[in-house]
Every structure is written in structure tokens, then in C-alpha cells.
Amino acid sequence: MKTEPNLQDADGFYEQLLDAHEGLDAAQSALLNARLVMLLANQIGDAAVLKACVEAAREPGERSGL
């Protein structure tokens, strides 16, 4: 699992993500996030890496690198 910044255009992606949520209610926003997580998980594909990412995401701070 990569914990160091590895996103080529983090600010651009963040802006794109915010734009994608514009005009959505809370339920629609949560569904967009769930779909995005599943699409990105499919891109990663490695079950061990995905497990490590889920565990790190549950522990904000040191392990997640974010």
C-alpha cells in the first residue's frame, strides 16, 4: 500500500471530485462516493492492498498518510 503522495494532480482531482458532488443531496453524494470507491478498487484489483487501504482508512492519521 502506498502511503506517500502519489497523485499527479491532487488539486485537480480534488476540484473534479467537488464538482462531481455539486447539486447532489446527501444520499446521491454517498452513492457517488460508493461507486467511485468500487471503480477505484477494481483498478487496484489486489485484495491484500485493498484490505490494507480499508484498515488504514479506519485509522485516520499516521497509517493512512493523509
N, C-alpha and C. Protein backbone atom coordinates (compact mmCIF):
# COMPACT_ATOMS: atom_id res chain seq x y z
N MET A 1 0.84 -1.17 0.00
CA MET A 1 0.00 0.00 0.00
C MET A 1 0.89 1.24 0.00
N LYS A 2 0.59 2.15 -0.89
CA LYS A 2 1.34 3.40 -0.96
C LYS A 2 0.75 4.39 0.05
N THR A 3 1.60 4.96 0.87
CA THR A 3 1.12 5.96 1.83
C THR A 3 1.72 7.34 1.57
N GLU A 4 2.70 7.39 0.70
CA GLU A 4 3.28 8.68 0.32
C GLU A 4 2.46 9.26 -0.82
N PRO A 5 2.39 10.59 -0.93
CA PRO A 5 1.62 11.20 -2.03
C PRO A 5 2.07 10.62 -3.38
N ASN A 6 1.09 10.19 -4.18
CA ASN A 6 1.37 9.54 -5.46
C ASN A 6 0.44 10.03 -6.56
N LEU A 7 -0.33 11.05 -6.27
CA LEU A 7 -1.33 11.57 -7.20
C LEU A 7 -0.69 12.69 -8.01
N GLN A 8 -0.72 12.55 -9.33
CA GLN A 8 -0.04 13.52 -10.19
C GLN A 8 -0.61 14.93 -10.05
N ASP A 9 -1.91 15.07 -9.99
CA ASP A 9 -2.55 16.39 -9.89
C ASP A 9 -3.61 16.34 -8.79
N ALA A 10 -3.14 16.31 -7.56
CA ALA A 10 -4.05 16.17 -6.42
C ALA A 10 -5.07 17.29 -6.37
N ASP A 11 -4.64 18.52 -6.60
CA ASP A 11 -5.57 19.65 -6.55
C ASP A 11 -6.61 19.55 -7.66
N GLY A 12 -6.19 19.15 -8.84
CA GLY A 12 -7.11 18.98 -9.95
C GLY A 12 -8.13 17.89 -9.69
N PHE A 13 -7.66 16.77 -9.12
CA PHE A 13 -8.58 15.68 -8.79
C PHE A 13 -9.57 16.11 -7.72
N TYR A 14 -9.09 16.82 -6.71
CA TYR A 14 -9.96 17.28 -5.63
C TYR A 14 -11.04 18.21 -6.20
N GLU A 15 -10.66 19.10 -7.09
CA GLU A 15 -11.63 20.00 -7.71
C GLU A 15 -12.65 19.21 -8.54
N GLN A 16 -12.17 18.23 -9.28
CA GLN A 16 -13.06 17.39 -10.07
C GLN A 16 -14.04 16.63 -9.17
N LEU A 17 -13.55 16.15 -8.04
CA LEU A 17 -14.40 15.43 -7.10
C LEU A 17 -15.46 16.36 -6.51
N LEU A 18 -15.05 17.57 -6.12
CA LEU A 18 -16.03 18.53 -5.60
C LEU A 18 -17.07 18.86 -6.64
N ASP A 19 -16.64 19.07 -7.88
CA ASP A 19 -17.57 19.37 -8.96
C ASP A 19 -18.56 18.24 -9.18
N ALA A 20 -18.11 17.01 -9.05
CA ALA A 20 -18.98 15.86 -9.25
C ALA A 20 -20.10 15.81 -8.21
N HIS A 21 -19.84 16.36 -7.02
CA HIS A 21 -20.83 16.35 -5.94
C HIS A 21 -21.78 17.55 -5.99
N GLU A 22 -21.46 18.51 -6.83
CA GLU A 22 -22.27 19.73 -6.89
C GLU A 22 -23.71 19.40 -7.28
N GLY A 23 -24.64 19.92 -6.50
CA GLY A 23 -26.06 19.75 -6.77
C GLY A 23 -26.65 18.44 -6.28
N LEU A 24 -25.83 17.58 -5.69
CA LEU A 24 -26.33 16.31 -5.18
C LEU A 24 -26.78 16.45 -3.73
N ASP A 25 -27.81 15.69 -3.36
CA ASP A 25 -28.18 15.66 -1.96
C ASP A 25 -27.27 14.65 -1.25
N ALA A 26 -27.44 14.51 0.05
CA ALA A 26 -26.54 13.66 0.84
C ALA A 26 -26.56 12.21 0.35
N ALA A 27 -27.73 11.68 0.04
CA ALA A 27 -27.83 10.29 -0.42
C ALA A 27 -27.16 10.11 -1.78
N GLN A 28 -27.37 11.03 -2.68
CA GLN A 28 -26.75 10.96 -4.00
C GLN A 28 -25.23 11.08 -3.90
N SER A 29 -24.77 11.95 -3.00
CA SER A 29 -23.35 12.14 -2.78
C SER A 29 -22.71 10.87 -2.22
N ALA A 30 -23.39 10.23 -1.28
CA ALA A 30 -22.88 8.99 -0.70
C ALA A 30 -22.83 7.90 -1.77
N LEU A 31 -23.83 7.85 -2.65
CA LEU A 31 -23.84 6.86 -3.72
C LEU A 31 -22.71 7.11 -4.72
N LEU A 32 -22.47 8.37 -5.05
CA LEU A 32 -21.34 8.71 -5.93
C LEU A 32 -20.04 8.23 -5.30
N ASN A 33 -19.85 8.49 -4.01
CA ASN A 33 -18.63 8.05 -3.32
C ASN A 33 -18.50 6.53 -3.34
N ALA A 34 -19.60 5.83 -3.11
CA ALA A 34 -19.56 4.36 -3.11
C ALA A 34 -19.20 3.83 -4.49
N ARG A 35 -19.80 4.41 -5.52
CA ARG A 35 -19.48 3.98 -6.88
C ARG A 35 -18.01 4.25 -7.21
N LEU A 36 -17.54 5.42 -6.82
CA LEU A 36 -16.14 5.77 -7.08
C LEU A 36 -15.19 4.82 -6.36
N VAL A 37 -15.49 4.49 -5.11
CA VAL A 37 -14.66 3.55 -4.36
C VAL A 37 -14.61 2.20 -5.08
N MET A 38 -15.75 1.73 -5.55
CA MET A 38 -15.77 0.43 -6.23
C MET A 38 -15.01 0.47 -7.56
N LEU A 39 -15.13 1.57 -8.30
CA LEU A 39 -14.37 1.70 -9.55
C LEU A 39 -12.87 1.74 -9.30
N LEU A 40 -12.46 2.50 -8.28
CA LEU A 40 -11.04 2.58 -7.95
C LEU A 40 -10.52 1.26 -7.40
N ALA A 41 -11.33 0.58 -6.60
CA ALA A 41 -10.94 -0.73 -6.07
C ALA A 41 -10.73 -1.72 -7.22
N ASN A 42 -11.60 -1.64 -8.22
CA ASN A 42 -11.45 -2.52 -9.37
C ASN A 42 -10.15 -2.22 -10.12
N GLN A 43 -9.74 -0.97 -10.16
CA GLN A 43 -8.48 -0.61 -10.80
C GLN A 43 -7.29 -1.17 -10.03
N ILE A 44 -7.38 -1.16 -8.71
CA ILE A 44 -6.30 -1.71 -7.88
C ILE A 44 -6.27 -3.23 -8.01
N GLY A 45 -7.41 -3.86 -7.78
CA GLY A 45 -7.57 -5.28 -8.02
C GLY A 45 -6.95 -6.22 -6.99
N ASP A 46 -5.96 -5.81 -6.27
CA ASP A 46 -5.23 -6.66 -5.33
C ASP A 46 -5.95 -6.67 -3.98
N ALA A 47 -6.48 -7.82 -3.59
CA ALA A 47 -7.28 -7.93 -2.37
C ALA A 47 -6.49 -7.53 -1.12
N ALA A 48 -5.21 -7.90 -1.06
CA ALA A 48 -4.39 -7.57 0.11
C ALA A 48 -4.18 -6.06 0.21
N VAL A 49 -3.94 -5.41 -0.92
CA VAL A 49 -3.76 -3.96 -0.92
C VAL A 49 -5.05 -3.28 -0.52
N LEU A 50 -6.17 -3.74 -1.07
CA LEU A 50 -7.47 -3.15 -0.72
C LEU A 50 -7.76 -3.31 0.77
N LYS A 51 -7.44 -4.49 1.33
CA LYS A 51 -7.66 -4.71 2.76
C LYS A 51 -6.82 -3.74 3.59
N ALA A 52 -5.57 -3.56 3.21
CA ALA A 52 -4.69 -2.63 3.93
C ALA A 52 -5.22 -1.20 3.83
N CYS A 53 -5.74 -0.84 2.67
CA CYS A 53 -6.29 0.50 2.49
C CYS A 53 -7.52 0.72 3.36
N VAL A 54 -8.40 -0.26 3.41
CA VAL A 54 -9.60 -0.15 4.25
C VAL A 54 -9.20 0.00 5.71
N GLU A 55 -8.27 -0.81 6.14
CA GLU A 55 -7.81 -0.74 7.54
C GLU A 55 -7.18 0.62 7.83
N ALA A 56 -6.37 1.13 6.91
CA ALA A 56 -5.73 2.43 7.10
C ALA A 56 -6.76 3.55 7.12
N ALA A 57 -7.78 3.44 6.29
CA ALA A 57 -8.80 4.48 6.22
C ALA A 57 -9.61 4.56 7.52
N ARG A 58 -9.71 3.45 8.22
CA ARG A 58 -10.42 3.45 9.50
C ARG A 58 -9.61 4.07 10.62
N GLU A 59 -8.31 4.26 10.38
CA GLU A 59 -7.42 4.83 11.38
C GLU A 59 -6.80 6.12 10.82
N PRO A 60 -7.57 7.22 10.81
CA PRO A 60 -7.04 8.45 10.23
C PRO A 60 -5.74 8.88 10.93
N GLY A 61 -4.85 9.43 10.15
CA GLY A 61 -3.61 9.92 10.72
C GLY A 61 -2.40 9.19 10.20
N GLU A 62 -1.66 8.59 11.10
CA GLU A 62 -0.36 8.01 10.80
C GLU A 62 -0.36 6.98 9.67
N ARG A 63 -1.19 5.96 9.75
CA ARG A 63 -1.15 4.86 8.79
C ARG A 63 -1.61 5.26 7.40
N SER A 64 -2.60 6.13 7.32
CA SER A 64 -3.16 6.45 6.00
C SER A 64 -2.26 7.37 5.19
N GLY A 65 -1.39 8.11 5.86
CA GLY A 65 -0.53 9.04 5.15
C GLY A 65 -1.27 10.27 4.65
N LEU A 66 -2.51 10.40 5.04
CA LEU A 66 -3.32 11.53 4.57
C LEU A 66 -3.62 12.49 5.69
